[in-house]
Amino acid sequence: MSVTEKIFQWLNRVPPRVLRAAEKTMRAVPGVDARMEQEYARMLGDLEPALKPYARDFSAYTQLPPTGVDRAVILEEMEALNARERAKWQDGFVSGAVYHGDAAHIDFLNRVYALHSQSNPLHADVFPSTSKFEAEIVSMTAHLLGANASNEIVGTVTSGGTESILLAMKTYRDWARDKKGITAPEIIAPVSAHAAFDKAAQYFNLKLVRIPLRDDMRADVDAARRALSQNTIALIGSAPCFPYGVIDPIPELSDLAREHGIGFHTDACLGGFVLPFAEKLGYPVPPYDFRVPGVTSLSADTHKYGYAAKGTSVILYRGRALRHYQYYTATDWSGGLYFSPTFAGSRPGALSATAWAAMVSMGENGYLDATRKILETATKIKNGIREISELKILGDPLWVIAFASETLDIYKVMDAMTKRGWSLNGLHRPPAVHIALTLRHTQENFAERFVSDLRDAVEYVKAHPAEKGELAPVYGLAANLPLRGVVSDLLKRYMDVLYKV
């Protein structure tokens, strides 16, 4: 059971009247009543062993040791930690998370990292190789995603998809303030768009307008049209979205953006290094990249299906003028001229080196082969799910497959899969479960094993209708929970525990 599931399981146990009282208290003044504080303390106490499983087995340092620990001892301890965590993702029982995972590939990237462990893009004069790597990463990614002789697609390397999205939204905010005089900016995104857009709204004082989905789980274009206002600065679509693995109607949404003279961002963090190759392999891929005239920015994660080390991503823009709104410059600092293309100042140049090395070593044929394996595995799994009458696949995904049920509690099915060793993602609104397939899932007999276990899980749930399971009440509560203030406060306290020694 994941930590998030433990949190919601605890919420399911707390008396509703206590939760309601806590929510009212939060609206009135900061903090919660004494009873709720006791409940929090009990819950976090129960949760801490799951968050700190190594507390009894390994050394903990709250202060610097008086004498440095022998390097051999440190390496031995880190090897032991690695061994405990490797098996589950290595055997493919985790949705997403590790996208390549082959030992030779990991060893290669580790060697590249070691060669560039001291490099820092902030000092481009000292480490010009990092600038070379990043410029070429951007160019290679841009040419995968619609750059050609008739357009100018530029960008930067970032620390991951969230930073790419944050930077794009910050860019549109500053562009709209400069060019349109908009001081109360709004962005429009489908409810399936990544949570990073909500984070951008919180960080940059944007109003996020969420629009519903159609029956095919894609963004509702008519709803987007109705949501437009004089303060809208950008529209968003996913290629594909994280929950359901489907591609939003990018041409129609971006046409709206063009008509209103605003930006359009394609979030291809998941699909940027799969969709171009899926298209070449003959799979149905609707338009989503810079070949669509209204697309003005696009994010693609090199550290997902680009098979680079965590964490790197690429943010791309249509033209240098737009990218300039992303940059930061300081011309009157006592420390001299200062500038940075992304949020960070100093950055690990070694990660950019591993992204470049992964892309160049894979080459087009390598990505084609990887995509072929993933999509062939996905086809087997989708066909297998369709043969289970109690389940239905949401939308028409390629490799991120969400399934639901009209006759069974899908969270009970997920619970049964968890007991069989699988770590899948529970979804809300509608209740569903998904698996994001990676190269770890293309191992021999994986698809057959997954479908077999899923069929057994369904049969188990059917045969035990009265059994509540561990996850079903948890996700049922999470899907319908109105007490967002309590949950938000709890998640903050959970993060406090993460930093507790």
Protein backbone atom coordinates (compact mmCIF):
# COMPACT_ATOMS: atom_id res chain seq x y z
CA MET A 1 0.00 0.00 0.00
CA SER A 2 1.37 3.41 -0.95
CA VAL A 3 1.82 6.23 1.54
CA THR A 4 -0.99 8.20 -0.12
CA GLU A 5 -3.29 5.24 0.31
CA LYS A 6 -2.36 5.03 4.00
CA ILE A 7 -3.27 8.70 4.37
CA PHE A 8 -6.72 8.24 2.91
CA GLN A 9 -7.21 5.05 4.88
CA TRP A 10 -6.60 7.07 8.03
CA LEU A 11 -9.09 9.72 6.87
CA ASN A 12 -11.63 6.99 6.40
CA ARG A 13 -11.24 6.04 10.07
CA VAL A 14 -11.54 9.53 11.57
CA PRO A 15 -15.13 10.29 12.65
CA PRO A 16 -16.84 12.48 9.99
CA ARG A 17 -17.93 15.04 12.60
CA VAL A 18 -14.30 15.57 13.59
CA LEU A 19 -13.26 16.09 9.98
CA ARG A 20 -16.12 18.52 9.38
CA ALA A 21 -15.24 20.47 12.51
CA ALA A 22 -11.61 20.63 11.45
CA GLU A 23 -12.55 21.91 8.01
CA LYS A 24 -14.71 24.67 9.51
CA THR A 25 -11.91 25.63 11.87
CA MET A 26 -9.46 25.87 8.99
CA ARG A 27 -11.74 28.24 7.14
CA ALA A 28 -12.05 30.47 10.17
CA VAL A 29 -8.50 30.58 11.57
CA PRO A 30 -5.22 28.75 10.94
CA GLY A 31 -4.81 25.39 12.64
CA VAL A 32 -7.27 22.78 13.87
CA ASP A 33 -8.87 21.87 17.17
CA ALA A 34 -7.18 19.73 19.83
CA ARG A 35 -9.01 16.54 18.79
CA MET A 36 -7.82 16.89 15.25
CA GLU A 37 -4.27 17.52 16.41
CA GLN A 38 -4.45 14.22 18.31
CA GLU A 39 -5.75 12.48 15.20
CA TYR A 40 -2.95 13.97 13.11
CA ALA A 41 -0.33 12.88 15.63
CA ARG A 42 -1.69 9.33 15.72
CA MET A 43 -1.86 9.10 11.95
CA LEU A 44 1.61 10.47 11.33
CA GLY A 45 2.98 8.21 14.04
CA ASP A 46 1.48 5.23 12.22
CA LEU A 47 2.82 6.53 8.92
CA GLU A 48 6.40 7.21 9.97
CA PRO A 49 7.62 3.59 9.84
CA ALA A 50 6.51 3.38 6.21
CA LEU A 51 8.31 6.61 5.37
CA LYS A 52 11.44 5.73 7.34
CA PRO A 53 11.87 1.97 6.81
CA TYR A 54 15.63 2.12 7.33
CA ALA A 55 15.61 3.77 10.73
CA ARG A 56 16.77 0.68 12.62
CA ASP A 57 19.06 -0.83 10.02
CA PHE A 58 21.25 2.08 8.92
CA SER A 59 23.15 4.94 10.48
CA ALA A 60 21.44 8.32 10.78
CA TYR A 61 23.33 11.62 10.92
CA THR A 62 21.70 14.62 12.54
CA GLN A 63 25.05 16.42 12.65
CA LEU A 64 28.32 16.04 10.84
CA PRO A 65 30.28 13.09 12.20
CA PRO A 66 33.39 14.23 14.10
CA THR A 67 35.55 12.14 11.77
CA GLY A 68 34.65 11.39 8.19
CA VAL A 69 33.18 7.93 7.58
CA ASP A 70 35.28 5.61 5.47
CA ARG A 71 34.23 5.77 1.82
CA ALA A 72 34.08 1.99 1.54
CA VAL A 73 31.59 1.88 4.41
CA ILE A 74 29.46 4.57 2.78
CA LEU A 75 29.42 2.74 -0.54
CA GLU A 76 28.55 -0.53 1.13
CA GLU A 77 25.58 1.08 2.87
CA MET A 78 24.37 2.72 -0.34
CA GLU A 79 24.64 -0.60 -2.20
CA ALA A 80 22.48 -2.19 0.46
CA LEU A 81 19.86 0.55 0.16
CA ASN A 82 19.85 0.21 -3.61
CA ALA A 83 19.41 -3.55 -3.42
CA ARG A 84 16.32 -3.20 -1.23
CA GLU A 85 14.62 -0.87 -3.70
CA ARG A 86 15.66 -2.34 -7.03
CA ALA A 87 13.64 -5.53 -7.40
CA LYS A 88 10.14 -4.14 -7.77
CA TRP A 89 10.82 -1.67 -10.60
CA GLN A 90 13.37 -3.95 -12.25
CA ASP A 91 10.80 -6.72 -12.71
CA GLY A 92 8.20 -4.33 -14.12
CA PHE A 93 5.64 -4.39 -11.32
CA VAL A 94 5.49 -0.57 -11.12
CA SER A 95 3.50 1.74 -13.38
CA GLY A 96 5.86 4.24 -15.02
CA ALA A 97 8.64 5.41 -12.64
CA VAL A 98 11.62 3.72 -14.39
CA TYR A 99 11.40 4.00 -18.15
CA HIS A 100 14.44 2.09 -19.42
CA GLY A 101 16.15 0.26 -16.56
CA ASP A 102 18.46 -2.01 -18.56
CA ALA A 103 21.69 -2.59 -16.62
CA ALA A 104 23.99 -1.73 -19.52
CA HIS A 105 22.08 1.50 -20.21
CA ILE A 106 22.23 2.50 -16.54
CA ASP A 107 25.97 1.74 -16.35
CA PHE A 108 26.57 3.84 -19.47
CA LEU A 109 24.67 6.84 -18.07
CA ASN A 110 26.44 6.48 -14.72
CA ARG A 111 29.81 6.66 -16.47
CA VAL A 112 28.72 9.74 -18.43
CA TYR A 113 27.56 11.37 -15.20
CA ALA A 114 30.86 10.64 -13.48
CA LEU A 115 32.80 12.29 -16.31
CA HIS A 116 30.78 15.49 -15.92
CA SER A 117 29.98 15.48 -12.20
CA GLN A 118 31.68 18.86 -11.68
CA SER A 119 30.13 20.72 -14.61
CA ASN A 120 27.72 23.61 -14.09
CA PRO A 121 25.91 25.40 -16.96
CA LEU A 122 25.98 28.63 -14.93
CA HIS A 123 29.68 28.81 -15.78
CA ALA A 124 29.44 28.38 -19.53
CA ASP A 125 32.97 29.69 -20.04
CA VAL A 126 34.40 26.99 -17.77
CA PHE A 127 32.17 24.16 -19.02
CA PRO A 128 31.37 24.90 -22.67
CA SER A 129 30.69 21.19 -23.23
CA THR A 130 27.48 21.55 -21.21
CA SER A 131 26.29 24.34 -23.51
CA LYS A 132 27.03 22.08 -26.47
CA PHE A 133 25.03 19.23 -24.95
CA GLU A 134 22.04 21.40 -24.05
CA ALA A 135 21.89 23.19 -27.41
CA GLU A 136 21.95 19.86 -29.21
CA ILE A 137 19.35 18.31 -26.87
CA VAL A 138 17.01 21.20 -27.66
CA SER A 139 17.67 20.99 -31.40
CA MET A 140 17.23 17.21 -31.58
CA THR A 141 14.00 17.42 -29.57
CA ALA A 142 12.67 20.30 -31.65
CA HIS A 143 13.27 18.43 -34.92
CA LEU A 144 11.43 15.43 -33.51
CA LEU A 145 8.46 17.63 -32.72
CA GLY A 146 7.84 19.67 -35.84
CA ALA A 147 10.77 22.04 -36.29
CA ASN A 148 11.67 22.59 -39.94
CA ALA A 149 13.12 25.16 -42.31
CA SER A 150 9.90 27.21 -42.26
CA ASN A 151 9.71 27.78 -38.51
CA GLU A 152 12.03 28.67 -35.65
CA ILE A 153 11.59 26.33 -32.71
CA VAL A 154 13.85 27.10 -29.75
CA GLY A 155 13.96 26.13 -26.10
CA THR A 156 15.97 25.22 -23.02
CA VAL A 157 16.77 22.18 -20.91
CA THR A 158 14.99 22.06 -17.54
CA SER A 159 14.98 19.84 -14.45
CA GLY A 160 11.79 17.98 -15.37
CA GLY A 161 8.26 18.28 -16.72
CA THR A 162 7.03 20.37 -13.82
CA GLU A 163 9.71 23.01 -14.36
CA SER A 164 9.04 23.00 -18.11
CA ILE A 165 5.35 23.67 -17.47
CA LEU A 166 6.04 26.29 -14.80
CA LEU A 167 8.42 28.11 -17.11
CA ALA A 168 5.92 28.09 -19.98
CA MET A 169 3.16 29.54 -17.82
CA LYS A 170 5.50 32.18 -16.37
CA THR A 171 6.52 33.04 -19.93
CA TYR A 172 2.92 33.56 -21.05
CA ARG A 173 2.18 35.64 -17.96
CA ASP A 174 5.05 38.01 -18.66
CA TRP A 175 4.35 38.10 -22.41
CA ALA A 176 0.67 38.92 -21.84
CA ARG A 177 1.50 41.64 -19.34
CA ASP A 178 3.97 43.20 -21.78
CA LYS A 179 2.06 42.83 -25.05
CA LYS A 180 -1.57 42.91 -23.90
CA GLY A 181 -1.47 44.72 -20.57
CA ILE A 182 -3.16 41.79 -18.81
CA THR A 183 -2.71 42.04 -15.05
CA ALA A 184 -5.21 39.35 -13.94
CA PRO A 185 -4.06 36.47 -16.16
CA GLU A 186 -6.04 33.26 -16.66
CA ILE A 187 -5.09 29.92 -18.18
CA ILE A 188 -7.50 27.24 -19.42
CA ALA A 189 -6.72 23.55 -18.97
CA PRO A 190 -8.71 20.30 -19.10
CA VAL A 191 -9.39 18.59 -15.77
CA SER A 192 -7.03 15.84 -16.96
CA ALA A 193 -4.09 18.24 -17.42
CA HIS A 194 -1.15 17.72 -15.08
CA ALA A 195 -1.20 19.15 -11.54
CA ALA A 196 1.86 21.21 -12.52
CA PHE A 197 -0.51 23.71 -14.16
CA ASP A 198 -2.22 24.21 -10.82
CA LYS A 199 1.19 24.64 -9.22
CA ALA A 200 2.04 27.27 -11.84
CA ALA A 201 -1.21 29.07 -11.06
CA GLN A 202 -0.37 29.12 -7.34
CA TYR A 203 3.22 30.21 -7.85
CA PHE A 204 2.60 32.93 -10.45
CA ASN A 205 -0.77 34.29 -9.35
CA LEU A 206 -2.68 32.93 -12.33
CA LYS A 207 -6.34 31.93 -12.38
CA LEU A 208 -6.63 28.33 -13.55
CA VAL A 209 -9.91 27.58 -15.33
CA ARG A 210 -10.51 23.83 -15.58
CA ILE A 211 -12.72 22.55 -18.42
CA PRO A 212 -14.48 19.16 -18.59
CA LEU A 213 -13.77 16.19 -20.85
CA ARG A 214 -15.86 14.62 -23.57
CA ASP A 215 -16.97 11.00 -23.39
CA ASP A 216 -13.74 9.98 -25.12
CA MET A 217 -11.78 11.51 -22.19
CA ARG A 218 -10.44 14.34 -24.37
CA ALA A 219 -10.83 18.04 -23.64
CA ASP A 220 -14.19 19.61 -24.50
CA VAL A 221 -13.45 22.27 -27.13
CA ASP A 222 -16.85 23.96 -26.74
CA ALA A 223 -16.21 24.29 -23.00
CA ALA A 224 -12.83 25.83 -23.76
CA ARG A 225 -14.49 28.34 -26.07
CA ARG A 226 -16.99 29.32 -23.37
CA ALA A 227 -14.20 29.66 -20.79
CA LEU A 228 -12.23 32.21 -22.81
CA SER A 229 -12.16 35.73 -21.43
CA GLN A 230 -10.30 38.96 -22.05
CA ASN A 231 -7.82 37.85 -19.37
CA THR A 232 -7.01 34.45 -20.90
CA ILE A 233 -3.32 34.22 -21.75
CA ALA A 234 -2.98 30.56 -22.77
CA LEU A 235 -4.83 27.32 -23.46
CA ILE A 236 -3.44 23.87 -22.65
CA GLY A 237 -3.75 20.39 -24.11
CA SER A 238 -2.01 17.10 -23.32
CA ALA A 239 -0.31 14.63 -25.65
CA PRO A 240 -1.17 12.41 -23.93
CA CYS A 241 -2.70 13.20 -20.53
CA PHE A 242 -1.38 11.32 -17.52
CA PRO A 243 -4.65 9.79 -16.25
CA TYR A 244 -6.05 8.24 -19.45
CA GLY A 245 -3.22 8.30 -21.99
CA VAL A 246 -5.29 10.05 -24.67
CA ILE A 247 -4.35 13.05 -26.78
CA ASP A 248 -6.51 16.17 -26.49
CA PRO A 249 -7.89 17.78 -29.68
CA ILE A 250 -4.81 19.94 -30.12
CA PRO A 251 -5.66 21.44 -33.57
CA GLU A 252 -9.10 22.61 -32.43
CA LEU A 253 -7.89 23.97 -29.11
CA SER A 254 -4.89 25.71 -30.63
CA ASP A 255 -7.10 27.23 -33.36
CA LEU A 256 -9.06 28.88 -30.55
CA ALA A 257 -5.82 30.24 -29.17
CA ARG A 258 -4.78 31.61 -32.57
CA GLU A 259 -8.17 33.25 -33.09
CA HIS A 260 -7.77 35.09 -29.79
CA GLY A 261 -4.10 35.91 -30.19
CA ILE A 262 -2.95 33.96 -27.14
CA GLY A 263 -0.57 31.10 -26.41
CA PHE A 264 -1.17 27.38 -26.68
CA HIS A 265 0.90 24.83 -24.78
CA THR A 266 1.08 21.13 -25.63
CA ASP A 267 2.11 19.10 -22.61
CA ALA A 268 3.97 16.24 -24.30
CA CYS A 269 6.03 15.39 -21.23
CA LEU A 270 4.78 11.80 -21.50
CA GLY A 271 4.51 11.57 -25.26
CA GLY A 272 7.34 13.66 -26.65
CA PHE A 273 9.67 10.71 -27.18
CA VAL A 274 6.99 8.14 -28.06
CA LEU A 275 4.49 9.81 -30.39
CA PRO A 276 6.96 10.75 -33.18
CA PHE A 277 8.07 7.14 -33.41
CA ALA A 278 4.57 5.72 -32.98
CA GLU A 279 3.56 7.81 -35.98
CA LYS A 280 6.45 6.43 -38.04
CA LEU A 281 5.43 2.91 -37.03
CA GLY A 282 1.96 3.52 -38.45
CA TYR A 283 -0.04 3.97 -35.25
CA PRO A 284 -2.87 6.54 -35.29
CA VAL A 285 -1.41 9.72 -33.78
CA PRO A 286 -3.51 12.89 -34.06
CA PRO A 287 -1.68 16.21 -34.63
CA TYR A 288 -0.12 17.65 -31.49
CA ASP A 289 3.28 19.28 -32.20
CA PHE A 290 4.68 22.36 -33.97
CA ARG A 291 3.27 21.18 -37.29
CA VAL A 292 0.01 22.52 -35.83
CA PRO A 293 0.18 26.30 -36.47
CA GLY A 294 -1.46 27.32 -33.19
CA VAL A 295 0.98 25.44 -30.93
CA THR A 296 3.32 28.04 -29.46
CA SER A 297 5.07 25.96 -26.78
CA LEU A 298 5.59 22.30 -25.96
CA SER A 299 7.16 20.34 -23.11
CA ALA A 300 8.81 16.93 -23.55
CA ASP A 301 10.61 14.91 -20.89
CA THR A 302 13.98 13.47 -21.79
CA HIS A 303 14.00 11.67 -18.44
CA LYS A 304 10.91 9.62 -19.28
CA TYR A 305 10.78 7.98 -22.69
CA GLY A 306 13.91 9.86 -23.76
CA TYR A 307 15.61 7.36 -21.40
CA ALA A 308 17.90 9.91 -19.75
CA ALA A 309 18.69 9.97 -16.04
CA LYS A 310 16.29 11.85 -13.76
CA GLY A 311 15.79 14.77 -14.02
CA THR A 312 15.82 16.58 -17.34
CA SER A 313 13.14 17.88 -19.66
CA VAL A 314 12.90 20.27 -22.60
CA ILE A 315 10.64 23.30 -23.00
CA LEU A 316 10.24 24.48 -26.59
CA TYR A 317 8.83 27.74 -28.00
CA ARG A 318 7.82 29.00 -31.42
CA GLY A 319 10.43 31.73 -31.83
CA ARG A 320 13.14 33.42 -29.76
CA ALA A 321 10.96 36.41 -28.92
CA LEU A 322 8.67 34.24 -26.82
CA ARG A 323 11.56 32.40 -25.19
CA HIS A 324 13.01 35.72 -24.05
CA TYR A 325 10.12 36.08 -21.59
CA GLN A 326 11.37 32.93 -19.84
CA TYR A 327 14.89 34.24 -19.24
CA TYR A 328 16.00 36.01 -16.08
CA THR A 329 18.52 38.87 -16.17
CA ALA A 330 19.89 41.21 -13.49
CA THR A 331 21.82 44.24 -14.69
CA ASP A 332 22.21 46.28 -11.49
CA TRP A 333 23.40 43.72 -8.92
CA SER A 334 26.51 44.56 -6.91
CA GLY A 335 27.86 41.14 -7.80
CA GLY A 336 27.91 42.02 -11.49
CA LEU A 337 25.74 40.94 -14.41
CA TYR A 338 23.66 37.86 -13.65
CA PHE A 339 21.42 35.79 -15.88
CA SER A 340 19.90 32.34 -16.07
CA PRO A 341 17.64 30.70 -18.66
CA THR A 342 15.59 28.66 -16.16
CA PHE A 343 14.64 28.88 -12.47
CA ALA A 344 17.89 27.50 -11.12
CA GLY A 345 21.20 29.30 -11.10
CA SER A 346 23.71 26.53 -10.67
CA ARG A 347 22.55 23.30 -12.29
CA PRO A 348 24.01 19.78 -12.59
CA GLY A 349 25.62 19.77 -16.01
CA ALA A 350 26.12 16.03 -15.63
CA LEU A 351 22.39 15.48 -16.04
CA SER A 352 22.41 17.36 -19.33
CA ALA A 353 25.37 15.24 -20.39
CA THR A 354 23.44 12.04 -19.63
CA ALA A 355 20.40 13.30 -21.56
CA TRP A 356 22.57 14.07 -24.58
CA ALA A 357 24.33 10.71 -24.30
CA ALA A 358 21.04 8.82 -23.99
CA MET A 359 19.59 10.50 -27.08
CA VAL A 360 22.69 10.09 -29.24
CA SER A 361 23.28 6.50 -28.16
CA MET A 362 19.64 5.53 -28.77
CA GLY A 363 19.37 7.19 -32.17
CA GLU A 364 16.22 7.06 -34.24
CA ASN A 365 16.41 3.29 -34.66
CA GLY A 366 16.77 2.77 -30.93
CA TYR A 367 13.71 4.89 -30.16
CA LEU A 368 11.74 3.19 -32.92
CA ASP A 369 12.60 -0.23 -31.51
CA ALA A 370 11.75 0.80 -27.93
CA THR A 371 8.44 2.34 -29.03
CA ARG A 372 7.57 -0.72 -31.08
CA LYS A 373 8.11 -2.99 -28.07
CA ILE A 374 6.05 -0.79 -25.76
CA LEU A 375 3.15 -0.41 -28.18
CA GLU A 376 3.09 -4.10 -29.03
CA THR A 377 2.94 -4.89 -25.33
CA ALA A 378 0.19 -2.30 -24.91
CA THR A 379 -1.84 -3.90 -27.69
CA LYS A 380 -1.66 -7.29 -25.98
CA ILE A 381 -2.73 -5.79 -22.66
CA LYS A 382 -5.58 -3.78 -24.19
CA ASN A 383 -6.85 -6.84 -26.02
CA GLY A 384 -6.64 -8.82 -22.79
CA ILE A 385 -8.57 -6.19 -20.83
CA ARG A 386 -11.27 -6.05 -23.51
CA GLU A 387 -11.79 -9.79 -23.05
CA ILE A 388 -12.67 -9.22 -19.38
CA SER A 389 -16.35 -8.30 -19.62
CA GLU A 390 -16.43 -6.52 -16.27
CA LEU A 391 -13.80 -3.98 -17.33
CA LYS A 392 -13.71 -1.20 -19.90
CA ILE A 393 -10.81 0.85 -21.21
CA LEU A 394 -11.30 4.61 -20.94
CA GLY A 395 -10.81 6.41 -24.23
CA ASP A 396 -8.53 5.00 -26.92
CA PRO A 397 -5.01 5.12 -25.43
CA LEU A 398 -1.79 3.94 -26.99
CA TRP A 399 0.34 2.89 -24.01
CA VAL A 400 -0.96 4.58 -20.83
CA ILE A 401 -4.00 2.38 -20.23
CA ALA A 402 -6.80 3.32 -17.84
CA PHE A 403 -9.60 0.90 -17.12
CA ALA A 404 -12.80 1.12 -15.10
CA SER A 405 -15.83 -1.02 -14.30
CA GLU A 406 -19.58 -0.45 -14.30
CA THR A 407 -20.30 -3.58 -12.24
CA LEU A 408 -17.39 -3.87 -9.80
CA ASP A 409 -15.62 -1.56 -7.37
CA ILE A 410 -12.50 -0.92 -9.45
CA TYR A 411 -10.56 -0.04 -6.31
CA LYS A 412 -11.21 -3.53 -4.97
CA VAL A 413 -9.73 -4.85 -8.22
CA MET A 414 -6.69 -2.63 -7.67
CA ASP A 415 -6.45 -3.92 -4.11
CA ALA A 416 -6.42 -7.49 -5.42
CA MET A 417 -3.71 -6.56 -7.92
CA THR A 418 -1.66 -4.97 -5.13
CA LYS A 419 -1.79 -8.25 -3.23
CA ARG A 420 -0.42 -9.90 -6.38
CA GLY A 421 2.60 -7.59 -6.33
CA TRP A 422 1.47 -4.83 -8.71
CA SER A 423 1.84 -1.11 -8.00
CA LEU A 424 -0.78 0.60 -10.17
CA ASN A 425 -2.20 4.13 -10.12
CA GLY A 426 -5.69 4.76 -8.78
CA LEU A 427 -7.59 7.53 -10.58
CA HIS A 428 -10.55 9.69 -9.54
CA ARG A 429 -13.52 11.14 -11.43
CA PRO A 430 -14.29 8.60 -12.79
CA PRO A 431 -12.97 5.84 -10.51
CA ALA A 432 -10.37 3.95 -12.54
CA VAL A 433 -6.92 2.36 -12.48
CA HIS A 434 -4.10 2.82 -14.95
CA ILE A 435 -0.74 1.43 -15.91
CA ALA A 436 1.87 3.47 -17.80
CA LEU A 437 3.87 0.97 -19.83
CA THR A 438 7.65 1.31 -20.15
CA LEU A 439 10.51 -0.78 -21.48
CA ARG A 440 10.48 -2.65 -18.15
CA HIS A 441 7.10 -4.03 -19.20
CA THR A 442 8.26 -5.40 -22.55
CA GLN A 443 10.03 -8.34 -20.93
CA GLU A 444 8.99 -11.79 -22.08
CA ASN A 445 5.53 -12.92 -20.90
CA PHE A 446 4.88 -9.66 -19.04
CA ALA A 447 1.64 -8.83 -20.87
CA GLU A 448 0.33 -12.34 -20.35
CA ARG A 449 1.21 -12.21 -16.63
CA PHE A 450 -0.50 -8.84 -16.19
CA VAL A 451 -3.69 -9.89 -17.95
CA SER A 452 -3.79 -13.21 -16.09
CA ASP A 453 -3.39 -11.50 -12.73
CA LEU A 454 -5.99 -8.89 -13.67
CA ARG A 455 -8.47 -11.59 -14.68
CA ASP A 456 -7.84 -13.41 -11.39
CA ALA A 457 -8.27 -10.14 -9.47
CA VAL A 458 -11.64 -9.53 -11.11
CA GLU A 459 -12.78 -13.06 -10.36
CA TYR A 460 -11.68 -12.70 -6.74
CA VAL A 461 -13.66 -9.48 -6.31
CA LYS A 462 -16.72 -11.10 -7.87
CA ALA A 463 -16.41 -14.09 -5.55
CA HIS A 464 -16.03 -11.94 -2.42
CA PRO A 465 -18.56 -9.10 -2.81
CA ALA A 466 -18.76 -8.39 0.92
CA GLU A 467 -15.01 -7.99 1.39
CA LYS A 468 -14.15 -4.31 1.76
CA GLY A 469 -10.48 -4.62 0.92
CA GLU A 470 -7.81 -2.17 2.05
CA LEU A 471 -7.79 0.26 -0.88
CA ALA A 472 -11.44 0.40 -1.96
CA PRO A 473 -12.69 2.53 0.97
CA VAL A 474 -9.55 4.61 0.75
CA TYR A 475 -9.94 5.57 -2.89
CA GLY A 476 -13.69 5.78 -2.58
CA LEU A 477 -13.20 8.41 0.11
CA ALA A 478 -10.50 10.23 -1.84
CA ALA A 479 -12.66 10.41 -4.96
CA ASN A 480 -15.54 12.06 -3.10
CA LEU A 481 -13.85 13.83 -0.21
CA PRO A 482 -15.12 17.41 0.18
CA LEU A 483 -12.69 18.22 2.99
CA ARG A 484 -9.87 19.56 0.85
CA GLY A 485 -8.53 21.81 3.58
CA VAL A 486 -7.97 18.86 5.92
CA VAL A 487 -6.30 16.85 3.18
CA SER A 488 -4.05 19.74 2.18
CA ASP A 489 -2.96 20.30 5.77
CA LEU A 490 -2.33 16.59 6.20
CA LEU A 491 -0.19 16.40 3.07
CA LYS A 492 1.93 19.30 4.34
CA ARG A 493 2.46 17.46 7.62
CA TYR A 494 3.32 14.34 5.64
CA MET A 495 6.06 16.29 3.82
CA ASP A 496 7.33 17.48 7.21
CA VAL A 497 7.85 13.83 8.14
CA LEU A 498 9.88 13.28 4.97
CA TYR A 499 12.47 15.74 6.29
CA LYS A 500 12.52 14.28 9.78
CA VAL A 501 15.64 12.34 10.72
